[in-house]
């Protein structure tokens, strides 16, 4: 039995072949995943990774505060956290 090696990628949870394959629907196949190359996760800089993300960086640290009332003190925050842990 001859083996055919095809290349492809995963897109939205499905295997997409690099080149079309003229085979009838229902043809049985066996898929073997190749191990990732050692440098796969280390090839991009932090700036390049950030550019790929669908979010933007906060313009101001105050954007990260959320809806914590300005009238509450740090002591109130600490007490709130302690009560949540109890």
C-alpha atoms as a PDB file:
ATOM      1  CA  UNK A   1       0.000   0.000   0.000  1.00  0.00           C
ATOM      2  CA  UNK A   2       1.413   3.401  -0.991  1.00  0.00           C
ATOM      3  CA  UNK A   3       1.317   6.342   1.398  1.00  0.00           C
ATOM      4  CA  UNK A   4       0.626   9.888   0.344  1.00  0.00           C
ATOM      5  CA  UNK A   5       1.983  12.750   2.440  1.00  0.00           C
ATOM      6  CA  UNK A   6      -0.037  15.963   2.328  1.00  0.00           C
ATOM      7  CA  UNK A   7       0.684  19.266   4.036  1.00  0.00           C
ATOM      8  CA  UNK A   8      -1.917  21.508   5.595  1.00  0.00           C
ATOM      9  CA  UNK A   9      -2.910  23.619   8.562  1.00  0.00           C
ATOM     10  CA  UNK A  10      -5.675  23.737  11.150  1.00  0.00           C
ATOM     11  CA  UNK A  11      -8.236  26.503  10.619  1.00  0.00           C
ATOM     12  CA  UNK A  12     -11.231  26.857  12.909  1.00  0.00           C
ATOM     13  CA  UNK A  13     -10.735  23.305  14.144  1.00  0.00           C
ATOM     14  CA  UNK A  14     -10.587  21.739  10.663  1.00  0.00           C
ATOM     15  CA  UNK A  15      -7.709  20.434   8.596  1.00  0.00           C
ATOM     16  CA  UNK A  16      -7.155  22.532   5.479  1.00  0.00           C
ATOM     17  CA  UNK A  17      -4.813  21.050   2.896  1.00  0.00           C
ATOM     18  CA  UNK A  18      -2.244  23.264   1.207  1.00  0.00           C
ATOM     19  CA  UNK A  19      -3.183  21.793  -2.177  1.00  0.00           C
ATOM     20  CA  UNK A  20      -6.622  20.500  -3.208  1.00  0.00           C
ATOM     21  CA  UNK A  21      -7.009  16.751  -3.259  1.00  0.00           C
ATOM     22  CA  UNK A  22      -9.330  15.114  -5.775  1.00  0.00           C
ATOM     23  CA  UNK A  23     -10.787  12.274  -3.706  1.00  0.00           C
ATOM     24  CA  UNK A  24     -14.408  11.321  -3.157  1.00  0.00           C
ATOM     25  CA  UNK A  25     -16.245  12.353   0.009  1.00  0.00           C
ATOM     26  CA  UNK A  26     -16.173   9.621   2.609  1.00  0.00           C
ATOM     27  CA  UNK A  27     -12.649   8.453   1.753  1.00  0.00           C
ATOM     28  CA  UNK A  28     -10.992   7.187   4.963  1.00  0.00           C
ATOM     29  CA  UNK A  29      -7.815   8.959   6.028  1.00  0.00           C
ATOM     30  CA  UNK A  30      -5.378   8.727   8.898  1.00  0.00           C
ATOM     31  CA  UNK A  31      -4.028  11.979  10.332  1.00  0.00           C
ATOM     32  CA  UNK A  32      -0.706  12.080  12.181  1.00  0.00           C
ATOM     33  CA  UNK A  33       0.275  15.327  13.816  1.00  0.00           C
ATOM     34  CA  UNK A  34       3.907  16.320  13.531  1.00  0.00           C
ATOM     35  CA  UNK A  35       5.694  17.628  16.623  1.00  0.00           C
ATOM     36  CA  UNK A  36       6.134  21.388  16.757  1.00  0.00           C
ATOM     37  CA  UNK A  37       9.549  22.676  15.880  1.00  0.00           C
ATOM     38  CA  UNK A  38      11.561  23.738  18.992  1.00  0.00           C
ATOM     39  CA  UNK A  39      11.548  27.453  18.144  1.00  0.00           C
ATOM     40  CA  UNK A  40       7.861  27.619  17.240  1.00  0.00           C
ATOM     41  CA  UNK A  41       6.811  29.741  20.216  1.00  0.00           C
ATOM     42  CA  UNK A  42       9.952  31.870  20.407  1.00  0.00           C
ATOM     43  CA  UNK A  43      10.090  33.296  16.890  1.00  0.00           C
ATOM     44  CA  UNK A  44       8.166  36.550  17.492  1.00  0.00           C
ATOM     45  CA  UNK A  45       9.100  39.600  19.511  1.00  0.00           C
ATOM     46  CA  UNK A  46       6.742  40.984  22.147  1.00  0.00           C
ATOM     47  CA  UNK A  47       5.787  43.827  19.790  1.00  0.00           C
ATOM     48  CA  UNK A  48       4.979  41.343  17.002  1.00  0.00           C
ATOM     49  CA  UNK A  49       2.851  39.231  19.339  1.00  0.00           C
ATOM     50  CA  UNK A  50       0.998  42.346  20.530  1.00  0.00           C
ATOM     51  CA  UNK A  51       0.214  43.324  16.943  1.00  0.00           C
ATOM     52  CA  UNK A  52      -1.455  39.950  16.383  1.00  0.00           C
ATOM     53  CA  UNK A  53      -3.844  40.377  19.317  1.00  0.00           C
ATOM     54  CA  UNK A  54      -7.408  41.610  18.724  1.00  0.00           C
ATOM     55  CA  UNK A  55      -7.191  44.092  21.614  1.00  0.00           C
ATOM     56  CA  UNK A  56      -5.434  47.384  22.133  1.00  0.00           C
ATOM     57  CA  UNK A  57      -3.314  48.539  25.033  1.00  0.00           C
ATOM     58  CA  UNK A  58      -4.842  50.845  27.592  1.00  0.00           C
ATOM     59  CA  UNK A  59      -4.021  54.511  27.017  1.00  0.00           C
ATOM     60  CA  UNK A  60      -4.031  55.295  30.727  1.00  0.00           C
ATOM     61  CA  UNK A  61      -3.565  53.311  33.949  1.00  0.00           C
ATOM     62  CA  UNK A  62      -6.823  54.850  35.185  1.00  0.00           C
ATOM     63  CA  UNK A  63      -8.625  52.798  32.514  1.00  0.00           C
ATOM     64  CA  UNK A  64      -7.703  49.692  34.501  1.00  0.00           C
ATOM     65  CA  UNK A  65      -9.410  50.826  37.703  1.00  0.00           C
ATOM     66  CA  UNK A  66     -12.829  49.743  36.588  1.00  0.00           C
ATOM     67  CA  UNK A  67     -15.804  50.992  38.556  1.00  0.00           C
ATOM     68  CA  UNK A  68     -14.297  51.167  42.028  1.00  0.00           C
ATOM     69  CA  UNK A  69     -15.831  54.237  43.725  1.00  0.00           C
ATOM     70  CA  UNK A  70     -13.499  57.210  44.222  1.00  0.00           C
ATOM     71  CA  UNK A  71     -14.915  57.668  47.721  1.00  0.00           C
ATOM     72  CA  UNK A  72     -13.632  54.305  49.008  1.00  0.00           C
ATOM     73  CA  UNK A  73     -10.225  54.219  50.630  1.00  0.00           C
ATOM     74  CA  UNK A  74      -7.479  51.638  50.254  1.00  0.00           C
ATOM     75  CA  UNK A  75      -8.521  50.303  53.643  1.00  0.00           C
ATOM     76  CA  UNK A  76     -12.013  49.707  52.253  1.00  0.00           C
ATOM     77  CA  UNK A  77     -10.483  47.785  49.348  1.00  0.00           C
ATOM     78  CA  UNK A  78      -8.418  45.614  51.687  1.00  0.00           C
ATOM     79  CA  UNK A  79     -11.482  44.896  53.827  1.00  0.00           C
ATOM     80  CA  UNK A  80     -13.491  44.025  50.697  1.00  0.00           C
ATOM     81  CA  UNK A  81     -10.835  41.542  49.595  1.00  0.00           C
ATOM     82  CA  UNK A  82     -10.602  39.976  53.061  1.00  0.00           C
ATOM     83  CA  UNK A  83     -14.372  39.527  53.226  1.00  0.00           C
ATOM     84  CA  UNK A  84     -14.321  37.870  49.819  1.00  0.00           C
ATOM     85  CA  UNK A  85     -11.739  35.358  50.980  1.00  0.00           C
ATOM     86  CA  UNK A  86     -13.681  34.348  54.120  1.00  0.00           C
END
